[in-house]
């Protein structure tokens, strides 16, 4: 049975971690692009911000999922 993304997020703790890491990659690339663009190529600064915002949007459900699983473990103990 194929699990949807929401079902995987609800049932697999490692999926939340993978989602969080997948969001961190564009975030940090965006930070590097923004830093370099601010010094050398100001016209590329918007692309850095787009990467940063998209990374946050991707990583946020993973971050919430990690804390959700931590809360479940806390309640079970």
PDB file of N, CA and C in Angstrom:
ATOM      1  N   UNK A   1       0.837  -1.180   0.000  1.00  0.00           N
ATOM      2  CA  UNK A   1       0.000   0.000   0.000  1.00  0.00           C
ATOM      3  C   UNK A   1       0.882   1.244   0.000  1.00  0.00           C
ATOM      4  N   UNK A   2       0.599   2.138  -0.906  1.00  0.00           N
ATOM      5  CA  UNK A   2       1.386   3.359  -1.008  1.00  0.00           C
ATOM      6  C   UNK A   2       0.871   4.389  -0.001  1.00  0.00           C
ATOM      7  N   UNK A   3       1.783   4.887   0.812  1.00  0.00           N
ATOM      8  CA  UNK A   3       1.407   5.893   1.793  1.00  0.00           C
ATOM      9  C   UNK A   3       1.516   7.284   1.181  1.00  0.00           C
ATOM     10  N   UNK A   4       0.565   8.118   1.492  1.00  0.00           N
ATOM     11  CA  UNK A   4       0.662   9.499   1.042  1.00  0.00           C
ATOM     12  C   UNK A   4       1.661  10.234   1.929  1.00  0.00           C
ATOM     13  N   UNK A   5       1.997  11.432   1.525  1.00  0.00           N
ATOM     14  CA  UNK A   5       2.970  12.214   2.295  1.00  0.00           C
ATOM     15  C   UNK A   5       2.453  12.490   3.703  1.00  0.00           C
ATOM     16  N   UNK A   6       1.178  12.798   3.832  1.00  0.00           N
ATOM     17  CA  UNK A   6       0.626  13.089   5.160  1.00  0.00           C
ATOM     18  C   UNK A   6       0.633  11.841   6.029  1.00  0.00           C
ATOM     19  N   UNK A   7       0.272  10.690   5.457  1.00  0.00           N
ATOM     20  CA  UNK A   7       0.303   9.451   6.235  1.00  0.00           C
ATOM     21  C   UNK A   7       1.722   9.100   6.653  1.00  0.00           C
ATOM     22  N   UNK A   8       2.679   9.305   5.764  1.00  0.00           N
ATOM     23  CA  UNK A   8       4.073   9.043   6.130  1.00  0.00           C
ATOM     24  C   UNK A   8       4.519   9.990   7.233  1.00  0.00           C
ATOM     25  N   UNK A   9       4.096  11.255   7.161  1.00  0.00           N
ATOM     26  CA  UNK A   9       4.466  12.233   8.177  1.00  0.00           C
ATOM     27  C   UNK A   9       3.880  11.846   9.534  1.00  0.00           C
ATOM     28  N   UNK A  10       2.665  11.280   9.516  1.00  0.00           N
ATOM     29  CA  UNK A  10       2.012  10.899  10.764  1.00  0.00           C
ATOM     30  C   UNK A  10       2.542   9.595  11.343  1.00  0.00           C
ATOM     31  N   UNK A  11       3.049   8.689  10.501  1.00  0.00           N
ATOM     32  CA  UNK A  11       3.407   7.358  10.986  1.00  0.00           C
ATOM     33  C   UNK A  11       4.900   7.067  11.019  1.00  0.00           C
ATOM     34  N   UNK A  12       5.722   7.839  10.327  1.00  0.00           N
ATOM     35  CA  UNK A  12       7.158   7.553  10.263  1.00  0.00           C
ATOM     36  C   UNK A  12       7.965   8.729  10.808  1.00  0.00           C
ATOM     37  N   UNK A  13       8.622   8.554  11.951  1.00  0.00           N
ATOM     38  CA  UNK A  13       9.423   9.653  12.502  1.00  0.00           C
ATOM     39  C   UNK A  13      10.604  10.032  11.610  1.00  0.00           C
ATOM     40  N   UNK A  14      11.191   9.063  10.922  1.00  0.00           N
ATOM     41  CA  UNK A  14      12.347   9.369  10.077  1.00  0.00           C
ATOM     42  C   UNK A  14      11.953  10.221   8.873  1.00  0.00           C
ATOM     43  N   UNK A  15      10.711  10.131   8.438  1.00  0.00           N
ATOM     44  CA  UNK A  15      10.256  10.956   7.319  1.00  0.00           C
ATOM     45  C   UNK A  15      10.288  12.435   7.697  1.00  0.00           C
ATOM     46  N   UNK A  16       9.925  12.756   8.943  1.00  0.00           N
ATOM     47  CA  UNK A  16       9.989  14.149   9.393  1.00  0.00           C
ATOM     48  C   UNK A  16      11.420  14.654   9.390  1.00  0.00           C
ATOM     49  N   UNK A  17      12.344  13.816   9.813  1.00  0.00           N
ATOM     50  CA  UNK A  17      13.753  14.205   9.810  1.00  0.00           C
ATOM     51  C   UNK A  17      14.255  14.423   8.387  1.00  0.00           C
ATOM     52  N   UNK A  18      13.875  13.537   7.477  1.00  0.00           N
ATOM     53  CA  UNK A  18      14.284  13.694   6.077  1.00  0.00           C
ATOM     54  C   UNK A  18      13.690  14.963   5.474  1.00  0.00           C
ATOM     55  N   UNK A  19      12.455  15.257   5.812  1.00  0.00           N
ATOM     56  CA  UNK A  19      11.807  16.471   5.322  1.00  0.00           C
ATOM     57  C   UNK A  19      12.502  17.713   5.868  1.00  0.00           C
ATOM     58  N   UNK A  20      12.891  17.671   7.127  1.00  0.00           N
ATOM     59  CA  UNK A  20      13.607  18.785   7.744  1.00  0.00           C
ATOM     60  C   UNK A  20      14.958  19.007   7.069  1.00  0.00           C
ATOM     61  N   UNK A  21      15.697  17.926   6.832  1.00  0.00           N
ATOM     62  CA  UNK A  21      17.002  18.033   6.170  1.00  0.00           C
ATOM     63  C   UNK A  21      16.835  18.517   4.731  1.00  0.00           C
ATOM     64  N   UNK A  22      15.794  18.042   4.058  1.00  0.00           N
ATOM     65  CA  UNK A  22      15.540  18.487   2.681  1.00  0.00           C
ATOM     66  C   UNK A  22      15.240  19.982   2.629  1.00  0.00           C
ATOM     67  N   UNK A  23      14.689  20.534   3.676  1.00  0.00           N
ATOM     68  CA  UNK A  23      14.441  21.970   3.724  1.00  0.00           C
ATOM     69  C   UNK A  23      15.663  22.772   4.122  1.00  0.00           C
ATOM     70  N   UNK A  24      16.551  22.152   4.906  1.00  0.00           N
ATOM     71  CA  UNK A  24      17.763  22.864   5.307  1.00  0.00           C
ATOM     72  C   UNK A  24      18.710  23.101   4.140  1.00  0.00           C
ATOM     73  N   UNK A  25      18.743  22.174   3.198  1.00  0.00           N
ATOM     74  CA  UNK A  25      19.665  22.316   2.069  1.00  0.00           C
ATOM     75  C   UNK A  25      19.395  23.580   1.251  1.00  0.00           C
ATOM     76  N   UNK A  26      18.169  23.818   0.755  1.00  0.00           N
ATOM     77  CA  UNK A  26      17.957  25.074   0.023  1.00  0.00           C
ATOM     78  C   UNK A  26      18.103  26.309   0.909  1.00  0.00           C
ATOM     79  N   UNK A  27      17.800  26.167   2.203  1.00  0.00           N
ATOM     80  CA  UNK A  27      17.958  27.302   3.108  1.00  0.00           C
ATOM     81  C   UNK A  27      19.418  27.743   3.172  1.00  0.00           C
ATOM     82  N   UNK A  28      20.323  26.786   3.421  1.00  0.00           N
ATOM     83  CA  UNK A  28      21.732  27.156   3.538  1.00  0.00           C
ATOM     84  C   UNK A  28      22.329  27.574   2.199  1.00  0.00           C
ATOM     85  N   UNK A  29      21.882  26.973   1.108  1.00  0.00           N
ATOM     86  CA  UNK A  29      22.332  27.426  -0.213  1.00  0.00           C
ATOM     87  C   UNK A  29      21.863  28.867  -0.432  1.00  0.00           C
ATOM     88  N   UNK A  30      20.649  29.171  -0.021  1.00  0.00           N
ATOM     89  CA  UNK A  30      20.136  30.536  -0.145  1.00  0.00           C
ATOM     90  C   UNK A  30      20.906  31.530   0.702  1.00  0.00           C
ATOM     91  N   UNK A  31      21.318  31.114   1.901  1.00  0.00           N
ATOM     92  CA  UNK A  31      22.130  31.992   2.748  1.00  0.00           C
ATOM     93  C   UNK A  31      23.470  32.278   2.077  1.00  0.00           C
ATOM     94  N   UNK A  32      24.092  31.249   1.529  1.00  0.00           N
ATOM     95  CA  UNK A  32      25.380  31.436   0.852  1.00  0.00           C
ATOM     96  C   UNK A  32      25.216  32.316  -0.380  1.00  0.00           C
ATOM     97  N   UNK A  33      24.174  32.055  -1.177  1.00  0.00           N
ATOM     98  CA  UNK A  33      23.925  32.872  -2.373  1.00  0.00           C
ATOM     99  C   UNK A  33      23.665  34.324  -1.976  1.00  0.00           C
ATOM    100  N   UNK A  34      22.885  34.543  -0.928  1.00  0.00           N
ATOM    101  CA  UNK A  34      22.597  35.911  -0.493  1.00  0.00           C
ATOM    102  C   UNK A  34      23.854  36.615  -0.004  1.00  0.00           C
ATOM    103  N   UNK A  35      24.694  35.900   0.716  1.00  0.00           N
ATOM    104  CA  UNK A  35      25.935  36.493   1.220  1.00  0.00           C
ATOM    105  C   UNK A  35      26.860  36.883   0.073  1.00  0.00           C
ATOM    106  N   UNK A  36      27.019  35.978  -0.886  1.00  0.00           N
ATOM    107  CA  UNK A  36      27.881  36.268  -2.035  1.00  0.00           C
ATOM    108  C   UNK A  36      27.259  37.352  -2.911  1.00  0.00           C
ATOM    109  N   UNK A  37      25.946  37.296  -3.096  1.00  0.00           N
ATOM    110  CA  UNK A  37      25.271  38.272  -3.949  1.00  0.00           C
ATOM    111  C   UNK A  37      25.330  39.668  -3.343  1.00  0.00           C
ATOM    112  N   UNK A  38      25.264  39.760  -2.026  1.00  0.00           N
ATOM    113  CA  UNK A  38      25.301  41.072  -1.392  1.00  0.00           C
ATOM    114  C   UNK A  38      26.632  41.764  -1.655  1.00  0.00           C
ATOM    115  N   UNK A  39      27.703  40.990  -1.711  1.00  0.00           N
ATOM    116  CA  UNK A  39      29.027  41.564  -1.916  1.00  0.00           C
ATOM    117  C   UNK A  39      29.315  41.797  -3.399  1.00  0.00           C
ATOM    118  N   UNK A  40      29.049  40.793  -4.230  1.00  0.00           N
ATOM    119  CA  UNK A  40      29.514  40.834  -5.615  1.00  0.00           C
ATOM    120  C   UNK A  40      28.413  41.052  -6.650  1.00  0.00           C
ATOM    121  N   UNK A  41      27.255  40.432  -6.461  1.00  0.00           N
ATOM    122  CA  UNK A  41      26.192  40.472  -7.475  1.00  0.00           C
ATOM    123  C   UNK A  41      24.858  40.856  -6.837  1.00  0.00           C
ATOM    124  N   UNK A  42      24.635  42.134  -6.576  1.00  0.00           N
ATOM    125  CA  UNK A  42      23.389  42.531  -5.894  1.00  0.00           C
ATOM    126  C   UNK A  42      22.113  42.147  -6.649  1.00  0.00           C
ATOM    127  N   UNK A  43      22.192  41.994  -7.968  1.00  0.00           N
ATOM    128  CA  UNK A  43      20.996  41.648  -8.734  1.00  0.00           C
ATOM    129  C   UNK A  43      20.544  40.209  -8.467  1.00  0.00           C
ATOM    130  N   UNK A  44      21.401  39.376  -7.891  1.00  0.00           N
ATOM    131  CA  UNK A  44      21.036  37.986  -7.590  1.00  0.00           C
ATOM    132  C   UNK A  44      20.509  37.801  -6.166  1.00  0.00           C
ATOM    133  N   UNK A  45      20.406  38.875  -5.419  1.00  0.00           N
ATOM    134  CA  UNK A  45      19.983  38.776  -4.021  1.00  0.00           C
ATOM    135  C   UNK A  45      18.578  38.189  -3.881  1.00  0.00           C
ATOM    136  N   UNK A  46      17.687  38.494  -4.811  1.00  0.00           N
ATOM    137  CA  UNK A  46      16.313  37.982  -4.739  1.00  0.00           C
ATOM    138  C   UNK A  46      16.283  36.460  -4.838  1.00  0.00           C
ATOM    139  N   UNK A  47      17.204  35.875  -5.615  1.00  0.00           N
ATOM    140  CA  UNK A  47      17.238  34.415  -5.735  1.00  0.00           C
ATOM    141  C   UNK A  47      17.664  33.762  -4.423  1.00  0.00           C
ATOM    142  N   UNK A  48      18.556  34.401  -3.718  1.00  0.00           N
ATOM    143  CA  UNK A  48      18.939  33.895  -2.400  1.00  0.00           C
ATOM    144  C   UNK A  48      17.771  33.906  -1.439  1.00  0.00           C
ATOM    145  N   UNK A  49      16.991  34.992  -1.462  1.00  0.00           N
ATOM    146  CA  UNK A  49      15.829  35.075  -0.587  1.00  0.00           C
ATOM    147  C   UNK A  49      14.762  34.056  -0.965  1.00  0.00           C
ATOM    148  N   UNK A  50      14.605  33.814  -2.255  1.00  0.00           N
ATOM    149  CA  UNK A  50      13.642  32.795  -2.691  1.00  0.00           C
ATOM    150  C   UNK A  50      14.058  31.424  -2.171  1.00  0.00           C
ATOM    151  N   UNK A  51      15.354  31.115  -2.238  1.00  0.00           N
ATOM    152  CA  UNK A  51      15.840  29.830  -1.720  1.00  0.00           C
ATOM    153  C   UNK A  51      15.665  29.738  -0.207  1.00  0.00           C
ATOM    154  N   UNK A  52      15.932  30.823   0.495  1.00  0.00           N
ATOM    155  CA  UNK A  52      15.775  30.817   1.953  1.00  0.00           C
ATOM    156  C   UNK A  52      14.317  30.570   2.338  1.00  0.00           C
ATOM    157  N   UNK A  53      13.403  31.281   1.718  1.00  0.00           N
ATOM    158  CA  UNK A  53      11.984  31.137   2.051  1.00  0.00           C
ATOM    159  C   UNK A  53      11.464  29.757   1.661  1.00  0.00           C
ATOM    160  N   UNK A  54      11.875  29.253   0.499  1.00  0.00           N
ATOM    161  CA  UNK A  54      11.422  27.912   0.106  1.00  0.00           C
ATOM    162  C   UNK A  54      11.992  26.851   1.042  1.00  0.00           C
ATOM    163  N   UNK A  55      13.221  27.029   1.503  1.00  0.00           N
ATOM    164  CA  UNK A  55      13.795  26.085   2.460  1.00  0.00           C
ATOM    165  C   UNK A  55      13.034  26.071   3.768  1.00  0.00           C
ATOM    166  N   UNK A  56      12.626  27.247   4.236  1.00  0.00           N
ATOM    167  CA  UNK A  56      11.845  27.322   5.470  1.00  0.00           C
ATOM    168  C   UNK A  56      10.493  26.648   5.287  1.00  0.00           C
ATOM    169  N   UNK A  57       9.855  26.880   4.150  1.00  0.00           N
ATOM    170  CA  UNK A  57       8.542  26.273   3.894  1.00  0.00           C
ATOM    171  C   UNK A  57       8.648  24.753   3.831  1.00  0.00           C
ATOM    172  N   UNK A  58       9.734  24.243   3.253  1.00  0.00           N
ATOM    173  CA  UNK A  58       9.919  22.791   3.171  1.00  0.00           C
ATOM    174  C   UNK A  58      10.277  22.211   4.536  1.00  0.00           C
ATOM    175  N   UNK A  59      11.123  22.908   5.299  1.00  0.00           N
ATOM    176  CA  UNK A  59      11.622  22.367   6.565  1.00  0.00           C
ATOM    177  C   UNK A  59      10.615  22.467   7.704  1.00  0.00           C
ATOM    178  N   UNK A  60       9.695  23.407   7.643  1.00  0.00           N
ATOM    179  CA  UNK A  60       8.772  23.628   8.754  1.00  0.00           C
ATOM    180  C   UNK A  60       7.920  22.405   9.107  1.00  0.00           C
ATOM    181  N   UNK A  61       7.306  21.709   8.153  1.00  0.00           N
ATOM    182  CA  UNK A  61       6.564  20.498   8.536  1.00  0.00           C
ATOM    183  C   UNK A  61       7.465  19.422   9.154  1.00  0.00           C
ATOM    184  N   UNK A  62       8.695  19.320   8.674  1.00  0.00           N
ATOM    185  CA  UNK A  62       9.624  18.361   9.267  1.00  0.00           C
ATOM    186  C   UNK A  62       9.965  18.725  10.696  1.00  0.00           C
ATOM    187  N   UNK A  63      10.175  20.021  10.954  1.00  0.00           N
ATOM    188  CA  UNK A  63      10.482  20.496  12.300  1.00  0.00           C
ATOM    189  C   UNK A  63       9.309  20.236  13.243  1.00  0.00           C
ATOM    190  N   UNK A  64       8.117  20.533  12.766  1.00  0.00           N
ATOM    191  CA  UNK A  64       6.920  20.276  13.575  1.00  0.00           C
ATOM    192  C   UNK A  64       6.766  18.778  13.821  1.00  0.00           C
ATOM    193  N   UNK A  65       7.048  17.965  12.804  1.00  0.00           N
ATOM    194  CA  UNK A  65       6.950  16.517  12.963  1.00  0.00           C
ATOM    195  C   UNK A  65       7.941  15.964  13.969  1.00  0.00           C
ATOM    196  N   UNK A  66       9.154  16.510  13.980  1.00  0.00           N
ATOM    197  CA  UNK A  66      10.155  16.068  14.955  1.00  0.00           C
ATOM    198  C   UNK A  66       9.671  16.361  16.366  1.00  0.00           C
ATOM    199  N   UNK A  67       9.175  17.578  16.596  1.00  0.00           N
ATOM    200  CA  UNK A  67       8.681  17.920  17.926  1.00  0.00           C
ATOM    201  C   UNK A  67       7.416  17.143  18.270  1.00  0.00           C
ATOM    202  N   UNK A  68       6.621  16.812  17.281  1.00  0.00           N
ATOM    203  CA  UNK A  68       5.430  15.988  17.521  1.00  0.00           C
ATOM    204  C   UNK A  68       5.833  14.611  18.035  1.00  0.00           C
ATOM    205  N   UNK A  69       6.832  14.002  17.391  1.00  0.00           N
ATOM    206  CA  UNK A  69       7.281  12.689  17.835  1.00  0.00           C
ATOM    207  C   UNK A  69       7.962  12.754  19.198  1.00  0.00           C
ATOM    208  N   UNK A  70       8.662  13.844  19.468  1.00  0.00           N
ATOM    209  CA  UNK A  70       9.261  14.001  20.804  1.00  0.00           C
ATOM    210  C   UNK A  70       8.167  14.106  21.864  1.00  0.00           C
ATOM    211  N   UNK A  71       7.085  14.805  21.551  1.00  0.00           N
ATOM    212  CA  UNK A  71       5.975  14.946  22.487  1.00  0.00           C
ATOM    213  C   UNK A  71       5.293  13.599  22.724  1.00  0.00           C
ATOM    214  N   UNK A  72       5.132  12.813  21.664  1.00  0.00           N
ATOM    215  CA  UNK A  72       4.542  11.477  21.806  1.00  0.00           C
ATOM    216  C   UNK A  72       5.410  10.610  22.709  1.00  0.00           C
ATOM    217  N   UNK A  73       6.726  10.651  22.522  1.00  0.00           N
ATOM    218  CA  UNK A  73       7.635   9.873  23.372  1.00  0.00           C
ATOM    219  C   UNK A  73       7.565  10.354  24.817  1.00  0.00           C
ATOM    220  N   UNK A  74       7.454  11.666  25.019  1.00  0.00           N
ATOM    221  CA  UNK A  74       7.360  12.221  26.366  1.00  0.00           C
ATOM    222  C   UNK A  74       6.082  11.751  27.056  1.00  0.00           C
ATOM    223  N   UNK A  75       4.974  11.745  26.327  1.00  0.00           N
ATOM    224  CA  UNK A  75       3.708  11.308  26.912  1.00  0.00           C
ATOM    225  C   UNK A  75       3.713   9.816  27.213  1.00  0.00           C
ATOM    226  N   UNK A  76       4.420   9.021  26.406  1.00  0.00           N
ATOM    227  CA  UNK A  76       4.458   7.578  26.629  1.00  0.00           C
ATOM    228  C   UNK A  76       5.326   7.201  27.822  1.00  0.00           C
ATOM    229  N   UNK A  77       6.267   8.050  28.175  1.00  0.00           N
ATOM    230  CA  UNK A  77       7.144   7.760  29.329  1.00  0.00           C
ATOM    231  C   UNK A  77       6.567   8.364  30.546  1.00  0.00           C
TER     232      UNK A  77
END
